[in-house]
Amino acid sequence: MGPTEPGRRRPGRWHIVIGMLAAVGLVAFIATEREQVRLALAQIRTLDWAWMTLGLVASVLSIVLFAGVRIVLLDAAGGRMRLGTATTASFASGAIAATVPGGGAIATAYMLQRYRDAGADAAGATWVTVASGIVAPAVLVATTLAGYAILGEGSAAVIVPALLAGGLLAGFGLLTRRPGLLHRPTSTAVTWWRRVRRRPIDGADAVAVEFVDRFGDIRAGSGRWAAAWLLQVLSWAGEFVTLVASILAVGGTVPWQAVLAAYGTSQLAGAVPLVPGGAGQVEATLVIGLTAAGMDTPTALATAVVFRIASHWLVVPIGWICLAFDRRTPRPAD
């Protein structure tokens, strides 16, 4: 086998090892819990399609709302993107992140280019990427903490994410007010990138200064920030509705006091980049949370499978179709 093509990376060994361990764990679970799995599959076969349809609609709406977050933030950075274009790009980037090893980085690069195509410069596209990457997890952490507050319990599982989200928000606010802190790391990044691309590296400091100054000049304003936060809350709410609909679709009873905490914790677990799409991580965490709330194991298993189908596995093919369509769309000159 020849060398890897420039710009393409082979899956890291640790991703392969973790994927293999996850597969072995799944096989072991099925072997030791055959009866529970059989009962769960029986519940899935008698699915209530009215609730399943509601879950699918809510899942798609969640992605559309997140596309709205990107549109609002892009507008602050000088770019313009229609809702249809932003939704197509959001589906496509989600599919890339969920199914490709190292997909998170590839999906980020893809969205950066879409922001550039929409009229944002390099600094503006980076600003939108950073801002949207902070708003989404911050709202999720707040949602999870609210779930544990409703449950009447604290949880060490959300302390670190909460501190991380708070740190990200504080750091982003500091950098937008003191962009000079970015001069040196940006200059280093420009130099490194041009060496990788085998381009001249003269003037890296000037490029860095121009980039950072532009980054620091972007101001979203209170109205845009309020819209972005509200749309992000509604986006996560859409996925939460998908979970509730999944429970009802398999004939379960919603544990209202605990379901928000179970949802938030499972989504936080899926955000840890161990396996593309958090495959296995979300399902396992959700089953644990629902059974801890008093749900029987077969119903919890069936709920986790149906929820992931509605919120993830049926959405991924849509994303690849959107990516194929997006690649055929003419682009402005680079």
C-alpha atoms as a PDB file:
ATOM      1  CA  MET A   1       0.000   0.000   0.000  1.00  0.00           C
ATOM      2  CA  GLY A   2       1.333   3.387  -0.986  1.00  0.00           C
ATOM      3  CA  PRO A   3       1.623   6.441   1.253  1.00  0.00           C
ATOM      4  CA  THR A   4      -1.478   8.237   2.396  1.00  0.00           C
ATOM      5  CA  GLU A   5      -2.551  11.040   0.072  1.00  0.00           C
ATOM      6  CA  PRO A   6      -1.918  14.590   1.292  1.00  0.00           C
ATOM      7  CA  GLY A   7      -4.844  15.929   3.319  1.00  0.00           C
ATOM      8  CA  ARG A   8      -6.129  12.429   4.122  1.00  0.00           C
ATOM      9  CA  ARG A   9      -5.361  10.585   7.334  1.00  0.00           C
ATOM     10  CA  ARG A  10      -5.648   6.957   8.185  1.00  0.00           C
ATOM     11  CA  PRO A  11      -7.644   6.071  11.288  1.00  0.00           C
ATOM     12  CA  GLY A  12      -5.517   6.300  14.440  1.00  0.00           C
ATOM     13  CA  ARG A  13      -4.631   3.019  16.107  1.00  0.00           C
ATOM     14  CA  TRP A  14      -6.410   3.983  19.308  1.00  0.00           C
ATOM     15  CA  HIS A  15      -9.645   4.560  17.354  1.00  0.00           C
ATOM     16  CA  ILE A  16      -9.344   1.067  15.890  1.00  0.00           C
ATOM     17  CA  VAL A  17      -8.618  -0.474  19.301  1.00  0.00           C
ATOM     18  CA  ILE A  18     -11.544   1.313  20.940  1.00  0.00           C
ATOM     19  CA  GLY A  19     -13.828   0.321  18.075  1.00  0.00           C
ATOM     20  CA  MET A  20     -12.783  -3.315  18.441  1.00  0.00           C
ATOM     21  CA  LEU A  21     -13.306  -3.217  22.219  1.00  0.00           C
ATOM     22  CA  ALA A  22     -16.753  -1.697  21.706  1.00  0.00           C
ATOM     23  CA  ALA A  23     -17.657  -4.457  19.247  1.00  0.00           C
ATOM     24  CA  VAL A  24     -16.421  -7.152  21.638  1.00  0.00           C
ATOM     25  CA  GLY A  25     -18.356  -5.565  24.473  1.00  0.00           C
ATOM     26  CA  LEU A  26     -21.527  -5.476  22.396  1.00  0.00           C
ATOM     27  CA  VAL A  27     -21.196  -9.133  21.431  1.00  0.00           C
ATOM     28  CA  ALA A  28     -20.531 -10.084  25.063  1.00  0.00           C
ATOM     29  CA  PHE A  29     -23.568  -8.133  26.225  1.00  0.00           C
ATOM     30  CA  ILE A  30     -25.845  -9.788  23.670  1.00  0.00           C
ATOM     31  CA  ALA A  31     -24.493 -13.209  24.644  1.00  0.00           C
ATOM     32  CA  THR A  32     -24.999 -12.717  28.374  1.00  0.00           C
ATOM     33  CA  GLU A  33     -28.304 -10.811  28.169  1.00  0.00           C
ATOM     34  CA  ARG A  34     -29.988 -12.749  25.388  1.00  0.00           C
ATOM     35  CA  GLU A  35     -33.403 -12.758  27.042  1.00  0.00           C
ATOM     36  CA  GLN A  36     -33.368  -9.009  27.712  1.00  0.00           C
ATOM     37  CA  VAL A  37     -32.295  -8.345  24.119  1.00  0.00           C
ATOM     38  CA  ARG A  38     -35.030 -10.667  22.812  1.00  0.00           C
ATOM     39  CA  LEU A  39     -37.689  -8.804  24.806  1.00  0.00           C
ATOM     40  CA  ALA A  40     -36.337  -5.453  23.622  1.00  0.00           C
ATOM     41  CA  LEU A  41     -36.487  -6.561  19.983  1.00  0.00           C
ATOM     42  CA  ALA A  42     -40.076  -7.725  20.536  1.00  0.00           C
ATOM     43  CA  GLN A  43     -40.991  -4.223  21.730  1.00  0.00           C
ATOM     44  CA  ILE A  44     -39.275  -2.667  18.730  1.00  0.00           C
ATOM     45  CA  ARG A  45     -41.229  -4.929  16.359  1.00  0.00           C
ATOM     46  CA  THR A  46     -44.500  -3.579  17.806  1.00  0.00           C
ATOM     47  CA  LEU A  47     -43.391   0.034  17.470  1.00  0.00           C
ATOM     48  CA  ASP A  48     -46.028   2.767  17.622  1.00  0.00           C
ATOM     49  CA  TRP A  49     -45.289   4.564  14.346  1.00  0.00           C
ATOM     50  CA  ALA A  50     -47.207   7.681  15.299  1.00  0.00           C
ATOM     51  CA  TRP A  51     -44.736   8.363  18.123  1.00  0.00           C
ATOM     52  CA  MET A  52     -41.819   7.258  15.949  1.00  0.00           C
ATOM     53  CA  THR A  53     -42.826   9.744  13.267  1.00  0.00           C
ATOM     54  CA  LEU A  54     -43.008  12.515  15.855  1.00  0.00           C
ATOM     55  CA  GLY A  55     -39.500  11.583  17.012  1.00  0.00           C
ATOM     56  CA  LEU A  56     -38.137  11.708  13.465  1.00  0.00           C
ATOM     57  CA  VAL A  57     -39.727  15.095  12.778  1.00  0.00           C
ATOM     58  CA  ALA A  58     -38.370  16.497  16.057  1.00  0.00           C
ATOM     59  CA  SER A  59     -34.890  15.169  15.227  1.00  0.00           C
ATOM     60  CA  VAL A  60     -34.845  16.832  11.805  1.00  0.00           C
ATOM     61  CA  LEU A  61     -36.216  20.052  13.298  1.00  0.00           C
ATOM     62  CA  SER A  62     -33.393  19.985  15.847  1.00  0.00           C
ATOM     63  CA  ILE A  63     -30.823  20.091  13.040  1.00  0.00           C
ATOM     64  CA  VAL A  64     -32.698  22.872  11.244  1.00  0.00           C
ATOM     65  CA  LEU A  65     -32.678  24.934  14.440  1.00  0.00           C
ATOM     66  CA  PHE A  66     -28.929  24.401  14.855  1.00  0.00           C
ATOM     67  CA  ALA A  67     -28.501  25.586  11.277  1.00  0.00           C
ATOM     68  CA  GLY A  68     -30.320  28.722  12.432  1.00  0.00           C
ATOM     69  CA  VAL A  69     -27.695  29.203  15.164  1.00  0.00           C
ATOM     70  CA  ARG A  70     -25.001  29.108  12.508  1.00  0.00           C
ATOM     71  CA  ILE A  71     -26.862  31.587  10.307  1.00  0.00           C
ATOM     72  CA  VAL A  72     -27.222  34.111  13.143  1.00  0.00           C
ATOM     73  CA  LEU A  73     -23.551  33.901  14.109  1.00  0.00           C
ATOM     74  CA  LEU A  74     -22.404  33.981  10.482  1.00  0.00           C
ATOM     75  CA  ASP A  75     -24.384  37.169   9.977  1.00  0.00           C
ATOM     76  CA  ALA A  76     -22.287  38.791  12.719  1.00  0.00           C
ATOM     77  CA  ALA A  77     -19.124  37.748  10.876  1.00  0.00           C
ATOM     78  CA  GLY A  78     -20.209  39.322   7.593  1.00  0.00           C
ATOM     79  CA  GLY A  79     -21.491  36.212   5.845  1.00  0.00           C
ATOM     80  CA  ARG A  80     -24.943  35.386   4.508  1.00  0.00           C
ATOM     81  CA  MET A  81     -26.390  31.906   4.238  1.00  0.00           C
ATOM     82  CA  ARG A  82     -29.936  30.802   3.501  1.00  0.00           C
ATOM     83  CA  LEU A  83     -31.691  28.393   5.830  1.00  0.00           C
ATOM     84  CA  GLY A  84     -31.809  25.676   3.179  1.00  0.00           C
ATOM     85  CA  THR A  85     -28.082  25.955   2.490  1.00  0.00           C
ATOM     86  CA  ALA A  86     -27.218  26.017   6.198  1.00  0.00           C
ATOM     87  CA  THR A  87     -29.457  23.008   6.872  1.00  0.00           C
ATOM     88  CA  THR A  88     -27.876  21.040   4.014  1.00  0.00           C
ATOM     89  CA  ALA A  89     -24.403  21.866   5.339  1.00  0.00           C
ATOM     90  CA  SER A  90     -25.404  20.940   8.903  1.00  0.00           C
ATOM     91  CA  PHE A  91     -26.730  17.545   7.816  1.00  0.00           C
ATOM     92  CA  ALA A  92     -23.592  16.934   5.743  1.00  0.00           C
ATOM     93  CA  SER A  93     -21.145  17.933   8.484  1.00  0.00           C
ATOM     94  CA  GLY A  94     -23.064  15.814  10.991  1.00  0.00           C
ATOM     95  CA  ALA A  95     -22.790  12.776   8.723  1.00  0.00           C
ATOM     96  CA  ILE A  96     -19.057  13.315   8.305  1.00  0.00           C
ATOM     97  CA  ALA A  97     -18.489  13.690  12.046  1.00  0.00           C
ATOM     98  CA  ALA A  98     -20.610  10.632  12.845  1.00  0.00           C
ATOM     99  CA  THR A  99     -19.191   8.104  10.412  1.00  0.00           C
ATOM    100  CA  VAL A 100     -15.590   9.003   9.522  1.00  0.00           C
ATOM    101  CA  PRO A 101     -12.601   8.375  11.839  1.00  0.00           C
ATOM    102  CA  GLY A 102     -11.348  11.811  12.798  1.00  0.00           C
ATOM    103  CA  GLY A 103     -14.630  13.084  11.388  1.00  0.00           C
ATOM    104  CA  GLY A 104     -14.924  15.937  13.857  1.00  0.00           C
ATOM    105  CA  ALA A 105     -11.885  17.710  12.402  1.00  0.00           C
ATOM    106  CA  ILE A 106     -12.981  16.984   8.827  1.00  0.00           C
ATOM    107  CA  ALA A 107     -16.504  18.262   9.539  1.00  0.00           C
ATOM    108  CA  THR A 108     -15.049  21.434  11.056  1.00  0.00           C
ATOM    109  CA  ALA A 109     -12.918  22.051   7.961  1.00  0.00           C
ATOM    110  CA  TYR A 110     -15.969  21.451   5.784  1.00  0.00           C
ATOM    111  CA  MET A 111     -18.041  24.035   7.678  1.00  0.00           C
ATOM    112  CA  LEU A 112     -15.177  26.538   7.619  1.00  0.00           C
ATOM    113  CA  GLN A 113     -15.191  26.338   3.836  1.00  0.00           C
ATOM    114  CA  ARG A 114     -18.978  26.716   3.712  1.00  0.00           C
ATOM    115  CA  TYR A 115     -18.679  29.892   5.816  1.00  0.00           C
ATOM    116  CA  ARG A 116     -16.025  31.187   3.409  1.00  0.00           C
ATOM    117  CA  ASP A 117     -18.314  30.406   0.480  1.00  0.00           C
ATOM    118  CA  ALA A 118     -21.033  32.411   2.238  1.00  0.00           C
ATOM    119  CA  GLY A 119     -18.876  35.531   2.295  1.00  0.00           C
ATOM    120  CA  ALA A 120     -17.004  35.345   5.608  1.00  0.00           C
ATOM    121  CA  ASP A 121     -13.254  35.827   5.611  1.00  0.00           C
ATOM    122  CA  ALA A 122     -10.894  33.386   7.357  1.00  0.00           C
ATOM    123  CA  ALA A 123     -11.140  35.141  10.710  1.00  0.00           C
ATOM    124  CA  GLY A 124     -14.921  35.412  10.464  1.00  0.00           C
ATOM    125  CA  ALA A 125     -15.310  31.743   9.577  1.00  0.00           C
ATOM    126  CA  THR A 126     -13.097  30.798  12.514  1.00  0.00           C
ATOM    127  CA  TRP A 127     -15.085  33.058  14.830  1.00  0.00           C
ATOM    128  CA  VAL A 128     -18.374  31.407  13.810  1.00  0.00           C
ATOM    129  CA  THR A 129     -16.860  27.949  14.308  1.00  0.00           C
ATOM    130  CA  VAL A 130     -15.585  28.800  17.774  1.00  0.00           C
ATOM    131  CA  ALA A 131     -18.771  30.589  18.832  1.00  0.00           C
ATOM    132  CA  SER A 132     -21.130  27.818  17.692  1.00  0.00           C
ATOM    133  CA  GLY A 133     -18.785  25.241  19.229  1.00  0.00           C
ATOM    134  CA  ILE A 134     -19.171  26.957  22.589  1.00  0.00           C
ATOM    135  CA  VAL A 135     -22.891  27.744  22.540  1.00  0.00           C
ATOM    136  CA  ALA A 136     -23.984  24.137  21.847  1.00  0.00           C
ATOM    137  CA  PRO A 137     -22.105  22.358  24.676  1.00  0.00           C
ATOM    138  CA  ALA A 138     -22.778  25.183  27.127  1.00  0.00           C
ATOM    139  CA  VAL A 139     -26.542  24.817  26.626  1.00  0.00           C
ATOM    140  CA  LEU A 140     -26.259  21.028  26.868  1.00  0.00           C
ATOM    141  CA  VAL A 141     -24.379  21.238  30.168  1.00  0.00           C
ATOM    142  CA  ALA A 142     -26.961  23.693  31.528  1.00  0.00           C
ATOM    143  CA  THR A 143     -29.733  21.318  30.419  1.00  0.00           C
ATOM    144  CA  THR A 144     -28.061  18.375  32.137  1.00  0.00           C
ATOM    145  CA  LEU A 145     -27.565  20.330  35.354  1.00  0.00           C
ATOM    146  CA  ALA A 146     -31.241  21.324  35.241  1.00  0.00           C
ATOM    147  CA  GLY A 147     -32.113  17.647  34.871  1.00  0.00           C
ATOM    148  CA  TYR A 148     -30.155  16.709  37.981  1.00  0.00           C
ATOM    149  CA  ALA A 149     -31.710  19.624  39.859  1.00  0.00           C
ATOM    150  CA  ILE A 150     -35.175  18.285  38.959  1.00  0.00           C
ATOM    151  CA  LEU A 151     -34.031  14.848  40.075  1.00  0.00           C
ATOM    152  CA  GLY A 152     -32.934  16.342  43.373  1.00  0.00           C
ATOM    153  CA  GLU A 153     -29.406  14.998  43.143  1.00  0.00           C
ATOM    154  CA  GLY A 154     -25.968  16.258  42.329  1.00  0.00           C
ATOM    155  CA  SER A 155     -23.701  14.373  39.996  1.00  0.00           C
ATOM    156  CA  ALA A 156     -19.934  14.375  39.676  1.00  0.00           C
ATOM    157  CA  ALA A 157     -20.463  13.338  36.052  1.00  0.00           C
ATOM    158  CA  VAL A 158     -21.443  16.883  35.059  1.00  0.00           C
ATOM    159  CA  ILE A 159     -19.083  18.860  37.281  1.00  0.00           C
ATOM    160  CA  VAL A 160     -16.133  18.646  34.891  1.00  0.00           C
ATOM    161  CA  PRO A 161     -18.257  19.424  31.778  1.00  0.00           C
ATOM    162  CA  ALA A 162     -19.836  22.343  33.634  1.00  0.00           C
ATOM    163  CA  LEU A 163     -16.432  23.746  34.553  1.00  0.00           C
ATOM    164  CA  LEU A 164     -15.225  23.175  30.989  1.00  0.00           C
ATOM    165  CA  ALA A 165     -18.246  24.959  29.503  1.00  0.00           C
ATOM    166  CA  GLY A 166     -17.794  27.874  31.891  1.00  0.00           C
ATOM    167  CA  GLY A 167     -14.097  28.033  31.046  1.00  0.00           C
ATOM    168  CA  LEU A 168     -14.820  28.025  27.311  1.00  0.00           C
ATOM    169  CA  LEU A 169     -17.334  30.850  27.673  1.00  0.00           C
ATOM    170  CA  ALA A 170     -14.931  32.897  29.794  1.00  0.00           C
ATOM    171  CA  GLY A 171     -12.034  32.206  27.410  1.00  0.00           C
ATOM    172  CA  PHE A 172     -14.044  33.162  24.352  1.00  0.00           C
ATOM    173  CA  GLY A 173     -15.162  36.388  26.002  1.00  0.00           C
ATOM    174  CA  LEU A 174     -11.566  37.212  26.964  1.00  0.00           C
ATOM    175  CA  LEU A 175     -10.208  36.582  23.456  1.00  0.00           C
ATOM    176  CA  THR A 176     -12.873  38.724  21.777  1.00  0.00           C
ATOM    177  CA  ARG A 177     -11.902  41.604  24.078  1.00  0.00           C
ATOM    178  CA  ARG A 178      -8.126  41.009  24.032  1.00  0.00           C
ATOM    179  CA  PRO A 179      -7.430  39.458  20.617  1.00  0.00           C
ATOM    180  CA  GLY A 180      -3.748  40.321  20.925  1.00  0.00           C
ATOM    181  CA  LEU A 181      -3.379  37.150  23.001  1.00  0.00           C
ATOM    182  CA  LEU A 182      -3.863  35.216  19.761  1.00  0.00           C
ATOM    183  CA  HIS A 183      -1.023  36.867  17.811  1.00  0.00           C
ATOM    184  CA  ARG A 184       1.770  34.447  18.715  1.00  0.00           C
ATOM    185  CA  PRO A 185      -0.208  31.161  18.451  1.00  0.00           C
ATOM    186  CA  THR A 186      -1.762  32.317  15.163  1.00  0.00           C
ATOM    187  CA  SER A 187       1.628  33.234  13.731  1.00  0.00           C
ATOM    188  CA  THR A 188       2.943  29.798  14.728  1.00  0.00           C
ATOM    189  CA  ALA A 189      -0.071  28.097  13.151  1.00  0.00           C
ATOM    190  CA  VAL A 190       0.327  30.051   9.893  1.00  0.00           C
ATOM    191  CA  THR A 191       4.021  29.165   9.714  1.00  0.00           C
ATOM    192  CA  TRP A 192       3.347  25.492  10.411  1.00  0.00           C
ATOM    193  CA  TRP A 193       0.508  25.304   7.879  1.00  0.00           C
ATOM    194  CA  ARG A 194       2.530  26.898   5.102  1.00  0.00           C
ATOM    195  CA  ARG A 195       5.366  24.492   5.753  1.00  0.00           C
ATOM    196  CA  VAL A 196       2.948  21.579   5.486  1.00  0.00           C
ATOM    197  CA  ARG A 197       1.549  23.004   2.244  1.00  0.00           C
ATOM    198  CA  ARG A 198       5.109  23.744   1.048  1.00  0.00           C
ATOM    199  CA  ARG A 199       4.395  27.405   0.515  1.00  0.00           C
ATOM    200  CA  PRO A 200       6.621  30.376   1.392  1.00  0.00           C
ATOM    201  CA  ILE A 201       6.445  31.302   5.089  1.00  0.00           C
ATOM    202  CA  ASP A 202       7.524  34.937   4.800  1.00  0.00           C
ATOM    203  CA  GLY A 203       5.135  37.389   6.407  1.00  0.00           C
ATOM    204  CA  ALA A 204       3.535  34.923   8.833  1.00  0.00           C
ATOM    205  CA  ASP A 205       3.509  37.590  11.563  1.00  0.00           C
ATOM    206  CA  ALA A 206       1.704  40.067   9.318  1.00  0.00           C
ATOM    207  CA  VAL A 207      -0.884  37.453   8.351  1.00  0.00           C
ATOM    208  CA  ALA A 208      -1.392  36.598  12.020  1.00  0.00           C
ATOM    209  CA  VAL A 209      -1.862  40.233  13.026  1.00  0.00           C
ATOM    210  CA  GLU A 210      -4.403  40.832  10.262  1.00  0.00           C
ATOM    211  CA  PHE A 211      -6.294  37.645  11.160  1.00  0.00           C
ATOM    212  CA  VAL A 212      -6.390  38.364  14.893  1.00  0.00           C
ATOM    213  CA  ASP A 213      -7.379  41.985  14.481  1.00  0.00           C
ATOM    214  CA  ARG A 214     -10.286  40.940  12.287  1.00  0.00           C
ATOM    215  CA  PHE A 215     -11.262  38.232  14.800  1.00  0.00           C
ATOM    216  CA  GLY A 216     -11.335  40.797  17.599  1.00  0.00           C
ATOM    217  CA  ASP A 217     -13.407  43.255  15.556  1.00  0.00           C
ATOM    218  CA  ILE A 218     -16.408  40.917  15.258  1.00  0.00           C
ATOM    219  CA  ARG A 219     -19.289  41.834  17.541  1.00  0.00           C
ATOM    220  CA  ALA A 220     -22.516  39.853  17.469  1.00  0.00           C
ATOM    221  CA  GLY A 221     -24.542  42.221  19.633  1.00  0.00           C
ATOM    222  CA  SER A 222     -27.064  41.292  22.300  1.00  0.00           C
ATOM    223  CA  GLY A 223     -29.861  40.607  19.791  1.00  0.00           C
ATOM    224  CA  ARG A 224     -27.884  38.045  17.798  1.00  0.00           C
ATOM    225  CA  TRP A 225     -26.543  36.386  20.920  1.00  0.00           C
ATOM    226  CA  ALA A 226     -30.044  36.093  22.364  1.00  0.00           C
ATOM    227  CA  ALA A 227     -31.292  34.565  19.103  1.00  0.00           C
ATOM    228  CA  ALA A 228     -28.355  32.117  18.972  1.00  0.00           C
ATOM    229  CA  TRP A 229     -28.874  30.948  22.556  1.00  0.00           C
ATOM    230  CA  LEU A 230     -32.634  30.587  22.101  1.00  0.00           C
ATOM    231  CA  LEU A 231     -32.275  28.619  18.869  1.00  0.00           C
ATOM    232  CA  GLN A 232     -29.714  26.332  20.519  1.00  0.00           C
ATOM    233  CA  VAL A 233     -32.045  25.666  23.460  1.00  0.00           C
ATOM    234  CA  LEU A 234     -34.824  24.796  21.030  1.00  0.00           C
ATOM    235  CA  SER A 235     -32.421  22.577  19.055  1.00  0.00           C
ATOM    236  CA  TRP A 236     -31.571  20.456  22.092  1.00  0.00           C
ATOM    237  CA  ALA A 237     -35.258  20.468  23.051  1.00  0.00           C
ATOM    238  CA  GLY A 238     -36.029  18.888  19.678  1.00  0.00           C
ATOM    239  CA  GLU A 239     -33.751  15.930  20.454  1.00  0.00           C
ATOM    240  CA  PHE A 240     -35.258  15.664  23.931  1.00  0.00           C
ATOM    241  CA  VAL A 241     -38.693  15.358  22.334  1.00  0.00           C
ATOM    242  CA  THR A 242     -37.248  12.579  20.168  1.00  0.00           C
ATOM    243  CA  LEU A 243     -36.219  10.685  23.316  1.00  0.00           C
ATOM    244  CA  VAL A 244     -39.646  11.081  24.923  1.00  0.00           C
ATOM    245  CA  ALA A 245     -41.326   9.957  21.695  1.00  0.00           C
ATOM    246  CA  SER A 246     -38.984   6.940  21.546  1.00  0.00           C
ATOM    247  CA  ILE A 247     -40.005   5.847  25.048  1.00  0.00           C
ATOM    248  CA  LEU A 248     -43.685   6.098  24.153  1.00  0.00           C
ATOM    249  CA  ALA A 249     -43.110   4.397  20.777  1.00  0.00           C
ATOM    250  CA  VAL A 250     -41.870   1.198  22.467  1.00  0.00           C
ATOM    251  CA  GLY A 251     -44.722   1.221  24.969  1.00  0.00           C
ATOM    252  CA  GLY A 252     -42.754   2.589  27.907  1.00  0.00           C
ATOM    253  CA  THR A 253     -43.750   5.075  30.582  1.00  0.00           C
ATOM    254  CA  VAL A 254     -41.756   8.293  30.639  1.00  0.00           C
ATOM    255  CA  PRO A 255     -39.868   8.772  33.951  1.00  0.00           C
ATOM    256  CA  TRP A 256     -40.484  12.504  33.869  1.00  0.00           C
ATOM    257  CA  GLN A 257     -38.439  13.322  36.951  1.00  0.00           C
ATOM    258  CA  ALA A 258     -35.302  11.642  35.635  1.00  0.00           C
ATOM    259  CA  VAL A 259     -35.577  11.702  31.841  1.00  0.00           C
ATOM    260  CA  LEU A 260     -33.923  15.108  31.332  1.00  0.00           C
ATOM    261  CA  ALA A 261     -30.890  14.076  33.409  1.00  0.00           C
ATOM    262  CA  ALA A 262     -30.644  10.777  31.498  1.00  0.00           C
ATOM    263  CA  TYR A 263     -30.872  12.605  28.175  1.00  0.00           C
ATOM    264  CA  GLY A 264     -28.241  15.218  29.016  1.00  0.00           C
ATOM    265  CA  THR A 265     -25.795  12.710  30.475  1.00  0.00           C
ATOM    266  CA  SER A 266     -26.056  10.425  27.447  1.00  0.00           C
ATOM    267  CA  GLN A 267     -25.456  13.343  25.067  1.00  0.00           C
ATOM    268  CA  LEU A 268     -22.425  14.455  27.063  1.00  0.00           C
ATOM    269  CA  ALA A 269     -21.089  10.896  26.930  1.00  0.00           C
ATOM    270  CA  GLY A 270     -21.536  10.877  23.166  1.00  0.00           C
ATOM    271  CA  ALA A 271     -19.542  14.109  22.879  1.00  0.00           C
ATOM    272  CA  VAL A 272     -16.382  12.328  24.071  1.00  0.00           C
ATOM    273  CA  PRO A 273     -14.517  11.541  20.792  1.00  0.00           C
ATOM    274  CA  LEU A 274     -13.786   7.852  21.354  1.00  0.00           C
ATOM    275  CA  VAL A 275     -15.847   6.317  18.543  1.00  0.00           C
ATOM    276  CA  PRO A 276     -17.332   8.206  15.539  1.00  0.00           C
ATOM    277  CA  GLY A 277     -20.843   9.360  16.389  1.00  0.00           C
ATOM    278  CA  GLY A 278     -20.495   8.196  19.990  1.00  0.00           C
ATOM    279  CA  ALA A 279     -21.704   4.761  18.852  1.00  0.00           C
ATOM    280  CA  GLY A 280     -22.292   2.629  21.919  1.00  0.00           C
ATOM    281  CA  GLN A 281     -21.450   5.440  24.330  1.00  0.00           C
ATOM    282  CA  VAL A 282     -24.822   7.183  24.044  1.00  0.00           C
ATOM    283  CA  GLU A 283     -26.796   3.920  24.075  1.00  0.00           C
ATOM    284  CA  ALA A 284     -25.029   2.490  27.125  1.00  0.00           C
ATOM    285  CA  THR A 285     -25.283   5.722  29.124  1.00  0.00           C
ATOM    286  CA  LEU A 286     -28.946   6.119  28.228  1.00  0.00           C
ATOM    287  CA  VAL A 287     -29.795   2.534  29.253  1.00  0.00           C
ATOM    288  CA  ILE A 288     -28.021   3.029  32.582  1.00  0.00           C
ATOM    289  CA  GLY A 289     -29.840   6.318  33.209  1.00  0.00           C
ATOM    290  CA  LEU A 290     -33.283   4.966  32.329  1.00  0.00           C
ATOM    291  CA  THR A 291     -32.908   1.757  34.347  1.00  0.00           C
ATOM    292  CA  ALA A 292     -31.683   3.822  37.315  1.00  0.00           C
ATOM    293  CA  ALA A 293     -34.932   5.779  36.991  1.00  0.00           C
ATOM    294  CA  GLY A 294     -36.922   2.548  37.406  1.00  0.00           C
ATOM    295  CA  MET A 295     -37.480   1.509  33.784  1.00  0.00           C
ATOM    296  CA  ASP A 296     -37.144  -2.216  33.075  1.00  0.00           C
ATOM    297  CA  THR A 297     -34.083  -3.248  31.065  1.00  0.00           C
ATOM    298  CA  PRO A 298     -35.852  -4.437  27.868  1.00  0.00           C
ATOM    299  CA  THR A 299     -37.773  -1.152  27.585  1.00  0.00           C
ATOM    300  CA  ALA A 300     -34.618   0.872  28.262  1.00  0.00           C
ATOM    301  CA  LEU A 301     -32.740  -1.108  25.594  1.00  0.00           C
ATOM    302  CA  ALA A 302     -35.556  -0.689  23.075  1.00  0.00           C
ATOM    303  CA  THR A 303     -35.767   3.034  23.841  1.00  0.00           C
ATOM    304  CA  ALA A 304     -32.024   3.534  23.353  1.00  0.00           C
ATOM    305  CA  VAL A 305     -32.066   1.738  19.992  1.00  0.00           C
ATOM    306  CA  VAL A 306     -35.121   3.594  18.688  1.00  0.00           C
ATOM    307  CA  PHE A 307     -33.820   6.957  19.936  1.00  0.00           C
ATOM    308  CA  ARG A 308     -30.484   6.489  18.207  1.00  0.00           C
ATOM    309  CA  ILE A 309     -32.166   5.376  14.987  1.00  0.00           C
ATOM    310  CA  ALA A 310     -34.395   8.449  14.987  1.00  0.00           C
ATOM    311  CA  SER A 311     -31.787  10.983  16.119  1.00  0.00           C
ATOM    312  CA  HIS A 312     -28.686   9.585  14.473  1.00  0.00           C
ATOM    313  CA  TRP A 313     -28.677   6.576  12.181  1.00  0.00           C
ATOM    314  CA  LEU A 314     -31.546   7.698   9.934  1.00  0.00           C
ATOM    315  CA  VAL A 315     -30.144  11.229   9.859  1.00  0.00           C
ATOM    316  CA  VAL A 316     -26.677  10.114   8.683  1.00  0.00           C
ATOM    317  CA  PRO A 317     -27.855   8.898   5.224  1.00  0.00           C
ATOM    318  CA  ILE A 318     -29.666  12.201   4.774  1.00  0.00           C
ATOM    319  CA  GLY A 319     -26.396  13.941   5.563  1.00  0.00           C
ATOM    320  CA  TRP A 320     -24.457  11.997   2.937  1.00  0.00           C
ATOM    321  CA  ILE A 321     -27.138  12.775   0.353  1.00  0.00           C
ATOM    322  CA  CYS A 322     -26.860  16.449   1.314  1.00  0.00           C
ATOM    323  CA  LEU A 323     -23.072  16.261   0.967  1.00  0.00           C
ATOM    324  CA  ALA A 324     -23.360  14.749  -2.514  1.00  0.00           C
ATOM    325  CA  PHE A 325     -25.811  17.496  -3.481  1.00  0.00           C
ATOM    326  CA  ASP A 326     -23.609  20.167  -1.926  1.00  0.00           C
ATOM    327  CA  ARG A 327     -20.542  19.017  -3.870  1.00  0.00           C
ATOM    328  CA  ARG A 328     -22.457  19.522  -7.118  1.00  0.00           C
ATOM    329  CA  THR A 329     -23.338  23.113  -6.212  1.00  0.00           C
ATOM    330  CA  PRO A 330     -21.140  25.692  -7.985  1.00  0.00           C
ATOM    331  CA  ARG A 331     -18.765  27.551  -5.649  1.00  0.00           C
ATOM    332  CA  PRO A 332     -17.477  31.113  -5.862  1.00  0.00           C
ATOM    333  CA  ALA A 333     -13.843  31.465  -6.887  1.00  0.00           C
ATOM    334  CA  ASP A 334     -11.395  30.862  -4.014  1.00  0.00           C
END
